[in-house]
């Protein structure tokens, strides 16, 4: 999940903070003593963890109240199933280790999606911001590669490929015979499509790949990375295009929003606006400062200043 969403850890605490009463219902007991809901609540509201849970619950309810109709259960389930498929058999254990049940994790996904909706509703990128992002923008390209240990090996493969018909299949055969990348060598050396926002690939690899501007173009010198030496061939590239092109502008805009989603200062400001719109407040005087990150005047000023610098 995005770093600006506060995780709903401590599920039992969340339930108690949401609905506990002062009727003295017993949470735990032992010989000669007991711990009531009120005892537990009184202790938890003093703790940072308890306050964090309450803060997360307020944000989640505010987002749902303001934008709930714009995120369907189908969309939540789609993202949930994608993560579940990614983790496979370890999914249940991973959820448990992070304090989630399947239900609470779906709630977290929904809050994340709702906050994305809020961001796009409440903050629009300026032309200056789009132009700045466009300078580093690269559209998604599809490449195949061959990884070997030495520069000499890579150069030999390049020279060999120059003498063959330049096709995806022929390059794939060389990958199968020579590449040390076991994850791609049997699939023609193909990698998932990526753009300039990709954080998984080596930066030198990306730089070399983006210099290949035509379909079928390949690196004629070995590309060194931390993993070894690569030969890279472009399968498809749409070209960078112009910012005036609606498709390019949308892609650049999406990249701006993606960057903002990971910016705590920007997202705190967005959340503050939503909390004000729904008139969120904390009635328990001992917890009156739980939303100060968003609503305290001094915090708001600092947030505004940070956002102005970011803009």
C-alpha atoms as a PDB file:
ATOM      1  CA  UNK A   1       0.000   0.000   0.000  1.00  0.00           C
ATOM      2  CA  UNK A   2       1.031   3.615  -0.409  1.00  0.00           C
ATOM      3  CA  UNK A   3       3.261   4.938   2.361  1.00  0.00           C
ATOM      4  CA  UNK A   4       0.811   7.770   3.149  1.00  0.00           C
ATOM      5  CA  UNK A   5      -1.920   5.356   4.261  1.00  0.00           C
ATOM      6  CA  UNK A   6      -1.586   4.436   7.916  1.00  0.00           C
ATOM      7  CA  UNK A   7      -1.760   0.669   8.304  1.00  0.00           C
ATOM      8  CA  UNK A   8      -4.666  -0.777  10.259  1.00  0.00           C
ATOM      9  CA  UNK A   9      -2.544  -2.787  12.644  1.00  0.00           C
ATOM     10  CA  UNK A  10      -3.908  -4.271  15.818  1.00  0.00           C
ATOM     11  CA  UNK A  11      -7.329  -5.386  14.629  1.00  0.00           C
ATOM     12  CA  UNK A  12      -8.682  -6.037  18.106  1.00  0.00           C
ATOM     13  CA  UNK A  13      -7.657  -2.538  19.127  1.00  0.00           C
ATOM     14  CA  UNK A  14      -9.541  -1.095  16.171  1.00  0.00           C
ATOM     15  CA  UNK A  15     -12.707  -2.869  17.190  1.00  0.00           C
ATOM     16  CA  UNK A  16     -12.446  -1.663  20.770  1.00  0.00           C
ATOM     17  CA  UNK A  17     -11.658   1.907  19.830  1.00  0.00           C
ATOM     18  CA  UNK A  18     -14.634   1.891  17.480  1.00  0.00           C
ATOM     19  CA  UNK A  19     -17.224   0.430  19.792  1.00  0.00           C
ATOM     20  CA  UNK A  20     -16.166  -0.108  23.362  1.00  0.00           C
ATOM     21  CA  UNK A  21     -18.341   1.259  26.135  1.00  0.00           C
ATOM     22  CA  UNK A  22     -17.888   2.089  29.787  1.00  0.00           C
ATOM     23  CA  UNK A  23     -20.144  -0.701  31.013  1.00  0.00           C
ATOM     24  CA  UNK A  24     -17.213  -2.682  32.403  1.00  0.00           C
ATOM     25  CA  UNK A  25     -17.500  -5.664  30.016  1.00  0.00           C
ATOM     26  CA  UNK A  26     -14.605  -8.017  30.696  1.00  0.00           C
ATOM     27  CA  UNK A  27     -11.817  -8.401  28.154  1.00  0.00           C
ATOM     28  CA  UNK A  28      -9.625 -10.708  30.242  1.00  0.00           C
ATOM     29  CA  UNK A  29      -9.796 -12.217  33.698  1.00  0.00           C
ATOM     30  CA  UNK A  30      -7.657 -14.108  36.182  1.00  0.00           C
ATOM     31  CA  UNK A  31      -7.870 -15.216  39.755  1.00  0.00           C
ATOM     32  CA  UNK A  32      -8.884 -12.174  41.773  1.00  0.00           C
ATOM     33  CA  UNK A  33      -8.666  -9.627  38.932  1.00  0.00           C
ATOM     34  CA  UNK A  34     -10.022  -8.662  35.540  1.00  0.00           C
ATOM     35  CA  UNK A  35      -9.421  -6.225  32.715  1.00  0.00           C
ATOM     36  CA  UNK A  36     -12.513  -4.457  31.409  1.00  0.00           C
ATOM     37  CA  UNK A  37     -13.114  -2.847  28.028  1.00  0.00           C
ATOM     38  CA  UNK A  38     -12.838   0.531  29.699  1.00  0.00           C
ATOM     39  CA  UNK A  39      -9.492  -0.430  31.299  1.00  0.00           C
ATOM     40  CA  UNK A  40      -8.179  -1.538  27.940  1.00  0.00           C
ATOM     41  CA  UNK A  41      -9.545   1.507  26.118  1.00  0.00           C
ATOM     42  CA  UNK A  42      -8.031   3.870  28.703  1.00  0.00           C
ATOM     43  CA  UNK A  43      -4.604   2.318  28.215  1.00  0.00           C
ATOM     44  CA  UNK A  44      -4.773   2.048  24.439  1.00  0.00           C
ATOM     45  CA  UNK A  45      -5.828   5.625  23.833  1.00  0.00           C
ATOM     46  CA  UNK A  46      -2.675   6.744  25.623  1.00  0.00           C
ATOM     47  CA  UNK A  47      -0.469   4.712  23.300  1.00  0.00           C
ATOM     48  CA  UNK A  48       0.887   5.796  19.919  1.00  0.00           C
ATOM     49  CA  UNK A  49      -0.377   2.538  18.376  1.00  0.00           C
ATOM     50  CA  UNK A  50      -3.899   3.087  19.648  1.00  0.00           C
ATOM     51  CA  UNK A  51      -3.946   6.686  18.392  1.00  0.00           C
ATOM     52  CA  UNK A  52      -2.630   5.578  15.013  1.00  0.00           C
ATOM     53  CA  UNK A  53      -5.436   3.043  14.647  1.00  0.00           C
ATOM     54  CA  UNK A  54      -8.053   5.663  15.501  1.00  0.00           C
ATOM     55  CA  UNK A  55      -6.483   8.127  13.063  1.00  0.00           C
ATOM     56  CA  UNK A  56      -6.592   5.485  10.312  1.00  0.00           C
ATOM     57  CA  UNK A  57     -10.211   4.655  11.087  1.00  0.00           C
ATOM     58  CA  UNK A  58     -11.256   8.313  10.891  1.00  0.00           C
ATOM     59  CA  UNK A  59      -9.469   8.799   7.564  1.00  0.00           C
ATOM     60  CA  UNK A  60     -10.994   5.599   6.159  1.00  0.00           C
ATOM     61  CA  UNK A  61     -14.544   6.599   7.156  1.00  0.00           C
ATOM     62  CA  UNK A  62     -14.082  10.153   5.863  1.00  0.00           C
ATOM     63  CA  UNK A  63     -12.834   8.903   2.493  1.00  0.00           C
ATOM     64  CA  UNK A  64     -15.704   6.438   2.253  1.00  0.00           C
ATOM     65  CA  UNK A  65     -18.265   9.096   3.145  1.00  0.00           C
ATOM     66  CA  UNK A  66     -16.954  11.545   0.554  1.00  0.00           C
ATOM     67  CA  UNK A  67     -15.961   9.212  -2.314  1.00  0.00           C
ATOM     68  CA  UNK A  68     -17.338   5.766  -1.455  1.00  0.00           C
ATOM     69  CA  UNK A  69     -19.526   5.514  -4.561  1.00  0.00           C
ATOM     70  CA  UNK A  70     -16.496   5.965  -6.830  1.00  0.00           C
ATOM     71  CA  UNK A  71     -14.712   2.754  -5.823  1.00  0.00           C
ATOM     72  CA  UNK A  72     -16.577  -0.482  -6.510  1.00  0.00           C
ATOM     73  CA  UNK A  73     -16.205  -3.800  -4.712  1.00  0.00           C
ATOM     74  CA  UNK A  74     -15.197  -5.248  -8.087  1.00  0.00           C
ATOM     75  CA  UNK A  75     -12.204  -2.910  -8.286  1.00  0.00           C
ATOM     76  CA  UNK A  76     -11.177  -3.702  -4.709  1.00  0.00           C
ATOM     77  CA  UNK A  77     -11.432  -7.445  -5.321  1.00  0.00           C
ATOM     78  CA  UNK A  78      -9.425  -7.154  -8.527  1.00  0.00           C
ATOM     79  CA  UNK A  79      -6.501  -5.539  -6.705  1.00  0.00           C
ATOM     80  CA  UNK A  80      -6.848  -7.943  -3.782  1.00  0.00           C
ATOM     81  CA  UNK A  81      -6.717 -10.968  -6.106  1.00  0.00           C
ATOM     82  CA  UNK A  82      -3.708  -9.561  -7.952  1.00  0.00           C
ATOM     83  CA  UNK A  83      -1.750  -9.287  -4.683  1.00  0.00           C
ATOM     84  CA  UNK A  84      -2.967 -12.718  -3.595  1.00  0.00           C
ATOM     85  CA  UNK A  85      -1.740 -14.255  -6.861  1.00  0.00           C
ATOM     86  CA  UNK A  86       1.611 -12.504  -6.467  1.00  0.00           C
ATOM     87  CA  UNK A  87       2.236 -14.043  -3.037  1.00  0.00           C
ATOM     88  CA  UNK A  88       0.724 -17.445  -3.848  1.00  0.00           C
ATOM     89  CA  UNK A  89       0.780 -19.949  -1.017  1.00  0.00           C
ATOM     90  CA  UNK A  90       2.470 -17.470   1.350  1.00  0.00           C
ATOM     91  CA  UNK A  91      -0.356 -14.923   1.095  1.00  0.00           C
ATOM     92  CA  UNK A  92      -2.225 -15.944   4.267  1.00  0.00           C
ATOM     93  CA  UNK A  93       0.969 -15.962   6.313  1.00  0.00           C
ATOM     94  CA  UNK A  94       2.001 -12.565   4.935  1.00  0.00           C
ATOM     95  CA  UNK A  95      -1.361 -11.067   5.871  1.00  0.00           C
ATOM     96  CA  UNK A  96      -1.113 -12.483   9.380  1.00  0.00           C
ATOM     97  CA  UNK A  97       2.440 -11.235   9.872  1.00  0.00           C
ATOM     98  CA  UNK A  98       1.304  -7.718   8.976  1.00  0.00           C
ATOM     99  CA  UNK A  99      -1.749  -7.772  11.244  1.00  0.00           C
ATOM    100  CA  UNK A 100      -4.391  -8.234   8.571  1.00  0.00           C
ATOM    101  CA  UNK A 101      -7.287 -10.553   7.857  1.00  0.00           C
ATOM    102  CA  UNK A 102      -8.550 -10.824   4.282  1.00  0.00           C
ATOM    103  CA  UNK A 103     -11.448  -8.542   5.203  1.00  0.00           C
ATOM    104  CA  UNK A 104      -9.326  -5.840   6.843  1.00  0.00           C
ATOM    105  CA  UNK A 105      -6.828  -5.927   3.973  1.00  0.00           C
ATOM    106  CA  UNK A 106      -9.662  -5.335   1.505  1.00  0.00           C
ATOM    107  CA  UNK A 107     -10.714  -2.386   3.659  1.00  0.00           C
ATOM    108  CA  UNK A 108      -7.173  -1.052   3.421  1.00  0.00           C
ATOM    109  CA  UNK A 109      -7.157  -1.446  -0.367  1.00  0.00           C
ATOM    110  CA  UNK A 110     -10.446   0.426  -0.590  1.00  0.00           C
ATOM    111  CA  UNK A 111      -9.122   3.303   1.519  1.00  0.00           C
ATOM    112  CA  UNK A 112      -6.026   3.482  -0.680  1.00  0.00           C
ATOM    113  CA  UNK A 113      -8.133   3.608  -3.846  1.00  0.00           C
ATOM    114  CA  UNK A 114     -10.481   6.201  -2.329  1.00  0.00           C
ATOM    115  CA  UNK A 115      -7.524   8.386  -1.402  1.00  0.00           C
ATOM    116  CA  UNK A 116      -6.274   8.207  -4.993  1.00  0.00           C
ATOM    117  CA  UNK A 117      -9.711   9.427  -6.095  1.00  0.00           C
ATOM    118  CA  UNK A 118      -9.534  12.244  -3.546  1.00  0.00           C
ATOM    119  CA  UNK A 119      -6.093  13.286  -4.785  1.00  0.00           C
ATOM    120  CA  UNK A 120      -7.261  13.556  -8.402  1.00  0.00           C
ATOM    121  CA  UNK A 121     -10.370  15.430  -7.337  1.00  0.00           C
ATOM    122  CA  UNK A 122      -8.662  17.955  -5.086  1.00  0.00           C
ATOM    123  CA  UNK A 123      -5.278  18.551  -6.735  1.00  0.00           C
ATOM    124  CA  UNK A 124      -4.580  19.159 -10.422  1.00  0.00           C
ATOM    125  CA  UNK A 125      -1.087  19.363 -11.938  1.00  0.00           C
ATOM    126  CA  UNK A 126      -0.092  22.670 -13.508  1.00  0.00           C
ATOM    127  CA  UNK A 127       1.329  22.971 -17.015  1.00  0.00           C
ATOM    128  CA  UNK A 128       4.708  23.763 -15.456  1.00  0.00           C
ATOM    129  CA  UNK A 129       4.609  20.539 -13.443  1.00  0.00           C
ATOM    130  CA  UNK A 130       3.635  18.529 -16.523  1.00  0.00           C
ATOM    131  CA  UNK A 131       6.476  20.063 -18.545  1.00  0.00           C
ATOM    132  CA  UNK A 132       8.942  19.232 -15.784  1.00  0.00           C
ATOM    133  CA  UNK A 133       7.748  15.608 -15.638  1.00  0.00           C
ATOM    134  CA  UNK A 134       7.849  15.359 -19.449  1.00  0.00           C
ATOM    135  CA  UNK A 135      11.582  16.073 -19.429  1.00  0.00           C
ATOM    136  CA  UNK A 136      12.250  12.714 -17.757  1.00  0.00           C
ATOM    137  CA  UNK A 137       9.230  10.921 -19.252  1.00  0.00           C
ATOM    138  CA  UNK A 138       9.784   7.779 -21.282  1.00  0.00           C
ATOM    139  CA  UNK A 139       6.832   5.703 -22.513  1.00  0.00           C
ATOM    140  CA  UNK A 140       6.574   2.008 -21.799  1.00  0.00           C
ATOM    141  CA  UNK A 141       8.841  -0.041 -24.010  1.00  0.00           C
ATOM    142  CA  UNK A 142       9.177  -3.778 -24.493  1.00  0.00           C
ATOM    143  CA  UNK A 143      12.680  -5.233 -24.734  1.00  0.00           C
ATOM    144  CA  UNK A 144      14.510  -8.522 -24.699  1.00  0.00           C
ATOM    145  CA  UNK A 145      18.016  -8.993 -23.368  1.00  0.00           C
ATOM    146  CA  UNK A 146      20.904 -11.383 -22.983  1.00  0.00           C
ATOM    147  CA  UNK A 147      22.970 -11.324 -19.793  1.00  0.00           C
ATOM    148  CA  UNK A 148      26.522 -12.710 -19.668  1.00  0.00           C
ATOM    149  CA  UNK A 149      29.490 -12.438 -17.320  1.00  0.00           C
ATOM    150  CA  UNK A 150      32.035 -10.605 -19.457  1.00  0.00           C
ATOM    151  CA  UNK A 151      32.167  -7.766 -21.952  1.00  0.00           C
ATOM    152  CA  UNK A 152      33.939 -10.023 -24.458  1.00  0.00           C
ATOM    153  CA  UNK A 153      31.087 -12.552 -24.338  1.00  0.00           C
ATOM    154  CA  UNK A 154      28.521  -9.809 -24.873  1.00  0.00           C
ATOM    155  CA  UNK A 155      30.443  -8.329 -27.813  1.00  0.00           C
ATOM    156  CA  UNK A 156      30.721 -11.752 -29.434  1.00  0.00           C
ATOM    157  CA  UNK A 157      26.931 -12.170 -29.235  1.00  0.00           C
ATOM    158  CA  UNK A 158      26.417  -8.680 -30.709  1.00  0.00           C
ATOM    159  CA  UNK A 159      28.724  -9.468 -33.638  1.00  0.00           C
ATOM    160  CA  UNK A 160      26.944 -12.771 -34.208  1.00  0.00           C
ATOM    161  CA  UNK A 161      23.504 -11.161 -34.174  1.00  0.00           C
ATOM    162  CA  UNK A 162      24.624  -8.539 -36.693  1.00  0.00           C
ATOM    163  CA  UNK A 163      25.158 -11.347 -39.156  1.00  0.00           C
ATOM    164  CA  UNK A 164      21.684 -12.806 -38.702  1.00  0.00           C
ATOM    165  CA  UNK A 165      18.200 -11.661 -39.628  1.00  0.00           C
ATOM    166  CA  UNK A 166      17.078  -9.125 -37.032  1.00  0.00           C
ATOM    167  CA  UNK A 167      14.006 -10.786 -35.548  1.00  0.00           C
ATOM    168  CA  UNK A 168      12.635 -11.341 -32.054  1.00  0.00           C
ATOM    169  CA  UNK A 169      12.864 -15.091 -32.604  1.00  0.00           C
ATOM    170  CA  UNK A 170      16.520 -15.059 -33.680  1.00  0.00           C
ATOM    171  CA  UNK A 171      17.515 -12.887 -30.726  1.00  0.00           C
ATOM    172  CA  UNK A 172      15.499 -15.230 -28.522  1.00  0.00           C
ATOM    173  CA  UNK A 173      17.511 -18.214 -29.715  1.00  0.00           C
ATOM    174  CA  UNK A 174      20.742 -16.453 -28.742  1.00  0.00           C
ATOM    175  CA  UNK A 175      19.243 -15.650 -25.342  1.00  0.00           C
ATOM    176  CA  UNK A 176      18.324 -19.294 -24.805  1.00  0.00           C
ATOM    177  CA  UNK A 177      21.846 -20.439 -25.651  1.00  0.00           C
ATOM    178  CA  UNK A 178      23.850 -17.754 -23.863  1.00  0.00           C
ATOM    179  CA  UNK A 179      21.947 -15.779 -21.230  1.00  0.00           C
ATOM    180  CA  UNK A 180      22.596 -16.343 -17.545  1.00  0.00           C
ATOM    181  CA  UNK A 181      19.259 -14.730 -16.651  1.00  0.00           C
ATOM    182  CA  UNK A 182      17.295 -17.867 -15.831  1.00  0.00           C
ATOM    183  CA  UNK A 183      14.085 -15.900 -15.462  1.00  0.00           C
ATOM    184  CA  UNK A 184      14.014 -14.754 -19.098  1.00  0.00           C
ATOM    185  CA  UNK A 185      16.366 -16.922 -21.191  1.00  0.00           C
ATOM    186  CA  UNK A 186      13.668 -19.463 -22.073  1.00  0.00           C
ATOM    187  CA  UNK A 187      11.217 -16.704 -22.984  1.00  0.00           C
ATOM    188  CA  UNK A 188      13.296 -15.077 -25.740  1.00  0.00           C
ATOM    189  CA  UNK A 189      14.969 -12.900 -23.112  1.00  0.00           C
ATOM    190  CA  UNK A 190      11.818 -10.771 -22.850  1.00  0.00           C
ATOM    191  CA  UNK A 191      11.181  -8.451 -19.903  1.00  0.00           C
ATOM    192  CA  UNK A 192       7.842  -6.932 -18.833  1.00  0.00           C
ATOM    193  CA  UNK A 193       7.199  -3.523 -20.418  1.00  0.00           C
ATOM    194  CA  UNK A 194       8.597  -0.620 -18.370  1.00  0.00           C
ATOM    195  CA  UNK A 195       8.815   3.168 -18.396  1.00  0.00           C
ATOM    196  CA  UNK A 196      10.966   5.743 -16.604  1.00  0.00           C
ATOM    197  CA  UNK A 197       9.123   5.259 -13.304  1.00  0.00           C
ATOM    198  CA  UNK A 198      10.190   1.614 -13.028  1.00  0.00           C
ATOM    199  CA  UNK A 199      12.212   0.978  -9.867  1.00  0.00           C
ATOM    200  CA  UNK A 200      13.017  -2.697 -10.406  1.00  0.00           C
ATOM    201  CA  UNK A 201      15.486  -2.439 -13.285  1.00  0.00           C
ATOM    202  CA  UNK A 202      19.078  -1.222 -13.050  1.00  0.00           C
ATOM    203  CA  UNK A 203      19.310   2.476 -13.960  1.00  0.00           C
ATOM    204  CA  UNK A 204      22.156   1.887 -16.457  1.00  0.00           C
ATOM    205  CA  UNK A 205      20.055  -0.804 -18.136  1.00  0.00           C
ATOM    206  CA  UNK A 206      17.103   1.588 -18.459  1.00  0.00           C
ATOM    207  CA  UNK A 207      19.270   4.416 -19.784  1.00  0.00           C
ATOM    208  CA  UNK A 208      20.680   2.174 -22.513  1.00  0.00           C
ATOM    209  CA  UNK A 209      17.246   0.790 -23.393  1.00  0.00           C
ATOM    210  CA  UNK A 210      15.649   4.236 -23.725  1.00  0.00           C
ATOM    211  CA  UNK A 211      18.347   5.265 -26.213  1.00  0.00           C
ATOM    212  CA  UNK A 212      16.984   2.622 -28.585  1.00  0.00           C
ATOM    213  CA  UNK A 213      14.273   4.570 -30.381  1.00  0.00           C
ATOM    214  CA  UNK A 214      13.225   2.174 -33.163  1.00  0.00           C
ATOM    215  CA  UNK A 215      11.669  -1.294 -33.103  1.00  0.00           C
ATOM    216  CA  UNK A 216      14.364  -3.920 -33.635  1.00  0.00           C
ATOM    217  CA  UNK A 217      17.231  -1.611 -32.677  1.00  0.00           C
ATOM    218  CA  UNK A 218      19.811  -3.198 -30.369  1.00  0.00           C
ATOM    219  CA  UNK A 219      22.823  -2.122 -28.337  1.00  0.00           C
ATOM    220  CA  UNK A 220      25.998  -2.463 -30.392  1.00  0.00           C
ATOM    221  CA  UNK A 221      28.210  -2.234 -27.333  1.00  0.00           C
ATOM    222  CA  UNK A 222      27.872  -4.290 -24.107  1.00  0.00           C
ATOM    223  CA  UNK A 223      25.838  -2.611 -21.367  1.00  0.00           C
ATOM    224  CA  UNK A 224      27.438  -3.031 -17.949  1.00  0.00           C
ATOM    225  CA  UNK A 225      25.266  -3.276 -14.826  1.00  0.00           C
ATOM    226  CA  UNK A 226      25.726  -4.711 -11.346  1.00  0.00           C
ATOM    227  CA  UNK A 227      24.593  -8.080 -12.718  1.00  0.00           C
ATOM    228  CA  UNK A 228      27.039  -8.396 -15.595  1.00  0.00           C
ATOM    229  CA  UNK A 229      26.964  -7.384 -19.269  1.00  0.00           C
ATOM    230  CA  UNK A 230      23.809  -7.094 -21.347  1.00  0.00           C
ATOM    231  CA  UNK A 231      22.824  -7.049 -24.967  1.00  0.00           C
ATOM    232  CA  UNK A 232      19.475  -5.274 -25.293  1.00  0.00           C
ATOM    233  CA  UNK A 233      17.036  -5.311 -28.225  1.00  0.00           C
ATOM    234  CA  UNK A 234      13.822  -3.296 -28.488  1.00  0.00           C
ATOM    235  CA  UNK A 235      10.742  -5.294 -29.441  1.00  0.00           C
ATOM    236  CA  UNK A 236       8.395  -2.309 -29.440  1.00  0.00           C
ATOM    237  CA  UNK A 237       8.602   1.366 -28.520  1.00  0.00           C
ATOM    238  CA  UNK A 238       5.966   4.012 -29.197  1.00  0.00           C
ATOM    239  CA  UNK A 239       8.504   6.838 -29.160  1.00  0.00           C
ATOM    240  CA  UNK A 240       8.391   9.666 -26.644  1.00  0.00           C
ATOM    241  CA  UNK A 241       5.894  11.761 -28.598  1.00  0.00           C
ATOM    242  CA  UNK A 242       4.902  15.347 -27.786  1.00  0.00           C
ATOM    243  CA  UNK A 243       3.256  16.667 -24.650  1.00  0.00           C
ATOM    244  CA  UNK A 244       0.529  18.162 -26.837  1.00  0.00           C
ATOM    245  CA  UNK A 245      -0.567  14.624 -27.757  1.00  0.00           C
ATOM    246  CA  UNK A 246      -3.527  13.747 -25.447  1.00  0.00           C
ATOM    247  CA  UNK A 247      -2.202  10.210 -24.888  1.00  0.00           C
ATOM    248  CA  UNK A 248       1.237  11.481 -23.914  1.00  0.00           C
ATOM    249  CA  UNK A 249      -0.249  14.166 -21.684  1.00  0.00           C
ATOM    250  CA  UNK A 250      -2.378  11.572 -19.885  1.00  0.00           C
ATOM    251  CA  UNK A 251       0.644   9.311 -19.345  1.00  0.00           C
ATOM    252  CA  UNK A 252       2.697  12.225 -17.988  1.00  0.00           C
ATOM    253  CA  UNK A 253      -0.198  13.310 -15.761  1.00  0.00           C
ATOM    254  CA  UNK A 254      -0.476   9.775 -14.387  1.00  0.00           C
ATOM    255  CA  UNK A 255       3.223   9.855 -13.526  1.00  0.00           C
ATOM    256  CA  UNK A 256       2.775  13.130 -11.636  1.00  0.00           C
ATOM    257  CA  UNK A 257      -0.072  11.616  -9.619  1.00  0.00           C
ATOM    258  CA  UNK A 258       1.981   8.493  -8.913  1.00  0.00           C
ATOM    259  CA  UNK A 259       4.766  10.669  -7.492  1.00  0.00           C
ATOM    260  CA  UNK A 260       2.286  12.631  -5.376  1.00  0.00           C
ATOM    261  CA  UNK A 261       0.771   9.434  -3.985  1.00  0.00           C
ATOM    262  CA  UNK A 262       4.137   8.691  -2.372  1.00  0.00           C
ATOM    263  CA  UNK A 263       4.617  12.232  -1.087  1.00  0.00           C
ATOM    264  CA  UNK A 264       3.552  12.414   2.566  1.00  0.00           C
ATOM    265  CA  UNK A 265       3.310  16.221   2.502  1.00  0.00           C
ATOM    266  CA  UNK A 266       1.024  16.304  -0.523  1.00  0.00           C
ATOM    267  CA  UNK A 267      -1.194  13.501   0.746  1.00  0.00           C
ATOM    268  CA  UNK A 268      -1.519  14.976   4.247  1.00  0.00           C
ATOM    269  CA  UNK A 269      -2.854  18.130   2.629  1.00  0.00           C
ATOM    270  CA  UNK A 270      -5.377  16.153   0.568  1.00  0.00           C
ATOM    271  CA  UNK A 271      -6.520  14.174   3.615  1.00  0.00           C
ATOM    272  CA  UNK A 272      -6.900  17.423   5.584  1.00  0.00           C
ATOM    273  CA  UNK A 273      -9.235  18.801   2.924  1.00  0.00           C
ATOM    274  CA  UNK A 274     -11.400  15.679   3.064  1.00  0.00           C
ATOM    275  CA  UNK A 275     -11.551  15.736   6.869  1.00  0.00           C
ATOM    276  CA  UNK A 276     -12.677  19.354   6.771  1.00  0.00           C
ATOM    277  CA  UNK A 277     -15.312  18.597   4.130  1.00  0.00           C
ATOM    278  CA  UNK A 278     -16.904  15.917   6.347  1.00  0.00           C
ATOM    279  CA  UNK A 279     -16.413  18.025   9.500  1.00  0.00           C
ATOM    280  CA  UNK A 280     -14.375  15.296  11.219  1.00  0.00           C
ATOM    281  CA  UNK A 281     -13.696  15.832  14.919  1.00  0.00           C
ATOM    282  CA  UNK A 282     -12.641  13.819  17.959  1.00  0.00           C
ATOM    283  CA  UNK A 283     -15.032  13.954  20.929  1.00  0.00           C
ATOM    284  CA  UNK A 284     -12.781  12.283  23.501  1.00  0.00           C
ATOM    285  CA  UNK A 285     -10.775  15.116  25.080  1.00  0.00           C
ATOM    286  CA  UNK A 286      -7.837  12.784  25.750  1.00  0.00           C
ATOM    287  CA  UNK A 287      -7.591  12.120  21.999  1.00  0.00           C
ATOM    288  CA  UNK A 288      -8.245  15.675  20.818  1.00  0.00           C
ATOM    289  CA  UNK A 289      -4.830  15.918  19.107  1.00  0.00           C
ATOM    290  CA  UNK A 290      -5.081  12.666  17.159  1.00  0.00           C
ATOM    291  CA  UNK A 291      -5.799  14.530  13.891  1.00  0.00           C
ATOM    292  CA  UNK A 292      -3.264  17.311  14.465  1.00  0.00           C
ATOM    293  CA  UNK A 293      -1.131  15.922  11.623  1.00  0.00           C
ATOM    294  CA  UNK A 294      -3.861  17.105   9.276  1.00  0.00           C
ATOM    295  CA  UNK A 295      -5.993  19.715  11.051  1.00  0.00           C
ATOM    296  CA  UNK A 296      -3.745  21.542  13.534  1.00  0.00           C
ATOM    297  CA  UNK A 297      -3.200  25.105  12.237  1.00  0.00           C
ATOM    298  CA  UNK A 298       0.574  24.963  12.715  1.00  0.00           C
ATOM    299  CA  UNK A 299       0.771  21.548  11.016  1.00  0.00           C
ATOM    300  CA  UNK A 300      -1.403  22.790   8.183  1.00  0.00           C
ATOM    301  CA  UNK A 301       0.889  25.761   7.639  1.00  0.00           C
ATOM    302  CA  UNK A 302       3.911  23.493   7.519  1.00  0.00           C
ATOM    303  CA  UNK A 303       2.110  21.170   5.123  1.00  0.00           C
ATOM    304  CA  UNK A 304       1.097  24.049   2.855  1.00  0.00           C
ATOM    305  CA  UNK A 305       4.665  25.316   2.792  1.00  0.00           C
ATOM    306  CA  UNK A 306       5.991  21.862   1.952  1.00  0.00           C
ATOM    307  CA  UNK A 307       3.425  21.426  -0.794  1.00  0.00           C
ATOM    308  CA  UNK A 308       4.319  24.820  -2.247  1.00  0.00           C
ATOM    309  CA  UNK A 309       7.974  23.790  -2.403  1.00  0.00           C
ATOM    310  CA  UNK A 310       6.993  20.483  -3.984  1.00  0.00           C
ATOM    311  CA  UNK A 311       4.981  22.347  -6.613  1.00  0.00           C
END
